[in-house]
C-alpha atoms as a PDB file:
ATOM      1  CA  MET A   1      -5.831   2.424 -13.503  1.00  0.00           C
ATOM      2  CA  LYS A   2      -4.463  -0.856 -12.132  1.00  0.00           C
ATOM      3  CA  LYS A   3      -5.928  -2.481  -9.062  1.00  0.00           C
ATOM      4  CA  PRO A   4      -3.695  -4.515  -6.784  1.00  0.00           C
ATOM      5  CA  THR A   5      -4.682  -8.161  -6.592  1.00  0.00           C
ATOM      6  CA  VAL A   6      -4.211  -8.240  -2.829  1.00  0.00           C
ATOM      7  CA  LYS A   7      -6.263  -6.562  -0.137  1.00  0.00           C
ATOM      8  CA  VAL A   8      -5.249  -4.992   3.137  1.00  0.00           C
ATOM      9  CA  VAL A   9      -6.548  -7.258   5.904  1.00  0.00           C
ATOM     10  CA  LYS A  10      -5.016  -5.695   9.015  1.00  0.00           C
ATOM     11  CA  VAL A  11      -3.555  -2.335  10.027  1.00  0.00           C
ATOM     12  CA  THR A  12      -1.748  -1.763  13.315  1.00  0.00           C
ATOM     13  CA  THR A  13       0.293   1.071  14.747  1.00  0.00           C
ATOM     14  CA  THR A  14       3.478  -0.687  13.573  1.00  0.00           C
ATOM     15  CA  GLY A  15       2.525  -2.052  10.133  1.00  0.00           C
ATOM     16  CA  PHE A  16      -0.029  -3.631   7.821  1.00  0.00           C
ATOM     17  CA  GLU A  17      -0.804  -7.108   6.498  1.00  0.00           C
ATOM     18  CA  LEU A  18      -1.999  -8.080   3.029  1.00  0.00           C
ATOM     19  CA  SER A  19      -4.349 -10.916   2.051  1.00  0.00           C
ATOM     20  CA  ASP A  20      -1.426 -12.957   0.687  1.00  0.00           C
ATOM     21  CA  GLY A  21       0.247 -12.952   4.117  1.00  0.00           C
ATOM     22  CA  ARG A  22       2.898 -10.313   3.464  1.00  0.00           C
ATOM     23  CA  TYR A  23       3.492  -7.890   6.329  1.00  0.00           C
ATOM     24  CA  TYR A  24       5.078  -4.459   5.937  1.00  0.00           C
ATOM     25  CA  PRO A  25       6.160  -2.212   8.811  1.00  0.00           C
ATOM     26  CA  HIS A  26       5.273   1.467   8.662  1.00  0.00           C
ATOM     27  CA  PRO A  27       8.352   3.691   8.184  1.00  0.00           C
ATOM     28  CA  VAL A  28       7.230   5.589  11.289  1.00  0.00           C
ATOM     29  CA  PRO A  29       4.959   4.001  13.912  1.00  0.00           C
ATOM     30  CA  LEU A  30       1.454   5.482  14.053  1.00  0.00           C
ATOM     31  CA  THR A  31      -0.376   6.550  17.188  1.00  0.00           C
ATOM     32  CA  GLU A  32      -3.819   5.125  17.959  1.00  0.00           C
ATOM     33  CA  GLU A  33      -5.300   8.493  16.941  1.00  0.00           C
ATOM     34  CA  GLU A  34      -3.572   8.328  13.531  1.00  0.00           C
ATOM     35  CA  LEU A  35      -4.505   4.693  12.860  1.00  0.00           C
ATOM     36  CA  PRO A  36      -6.746   4.433   9.769  1.00  0.00           C
ATOM     37  CA  THR A  37      -9.401   1.775   9.292  1.00  0.00           C
ATOM     38  CA  VAL A  38      -8.628  -1.128   6.961  1.00  0.00           C
ATOM     39  CA  GLU A  39     -10.896   0.491   4.354  1.00  0.00           C
ATOM     40  CA  GLU A  40      -9.121   3.856   4.629  1.00  0.00           C
ATOM     41  CA  PHE A  41      -5.711   2.221   4.433  1.00  0.00           C
ATOM     42  CA  GLN A  42      -6.815   0.200   1.376  1.00  0.00           C
ATOM     43  CA  GLU A  43      -7.516   3.511  -0.387  1.00  0.00           C
ATOM     44  CA  TYR A  44      -3.998   4.747   0.459  1.00  0.00           C
ATOM     45  CA  TYR A  45      -2.500   1.430  -0.650  1.00  0.00           C
ATOM     46  CA  ASP A  46      -4.396   1.475  -3.974  1.00  0.00           C
ATOM     47  CA  HIS A  47      -3.370   5.095  -4.601  1.00  0.00           C
ATOM     48  CA  TRP A  48       0.341   4.458  -4.028  1.00  0.00           C
ATOM     49  CA  PHE A  49       0.242   1.127  -5.873  1.00  0.00           C
ATOM     50  CA  ASN A  50      -1.078   2.953  -8.944  1.00  0.00           C
ATOM     51  CA  LEU A  51       1.413   5.822  -8.703  1.00  0.00           C
ATOM     52  CA  LEU A  52       4.366   3.488  -8.356  1.00  0.00           C
ATOM     53  CA  SER A  53       3.097   1.206 -11.147  1.00  0.00           C
ATOM     54  CA  ILE A  54       2.782   4.162 -13.530  1.00  0.00           C
ATOM     55  CA  GLU A  55       6.285   5.360 -12.637  1.00  0.00           C
ATOM     56  CA  HIS A  56       7.695   1.849 -13.137  1.00  0.00           C
ATOM     57  CA  GLU A  57       6.012   1.608 -16.556  1.00  0.00           C
ATOM     58  CA  ARG A  58       7.585   4.954 -17.543  1.00  0.00           C
ATOM     59  CA  GLU A  59      11.035   3.766 -16.479  1.00  0.00           C
ATOM     60  CA  VAL A  60      10.661   0.537 -18.449  1.00  0.00           C
ATOM     61  CA  ALA A  61       9.469   2.446 -21.532  1.00  0.00           C
ATOM     62  CA  ASN A  62      12.441   4.826 -21.293  1.00  0.00           C
ATOM     63  CA  ASP A  63      14.886   1.917 -21.081  1.00  0.00           C
ATOM     64  CA  CYS A  64      13.792   0.619 -24.506  1.00  0.00           C
END
């Protein structure tokens, strides 16, 4: 399983920031009650990073 080289450093109701300075807005704003901790969001980020990386690798392999 791949690990992203960046870490989540900040999570707000409107988006999240990575350790390399990139900022991504959430598709839907979160309420304060829904707002995960940085650690919780890092787990989500790692999970989706791995799923999307695996899917990308499959697509590349199928293109050969």
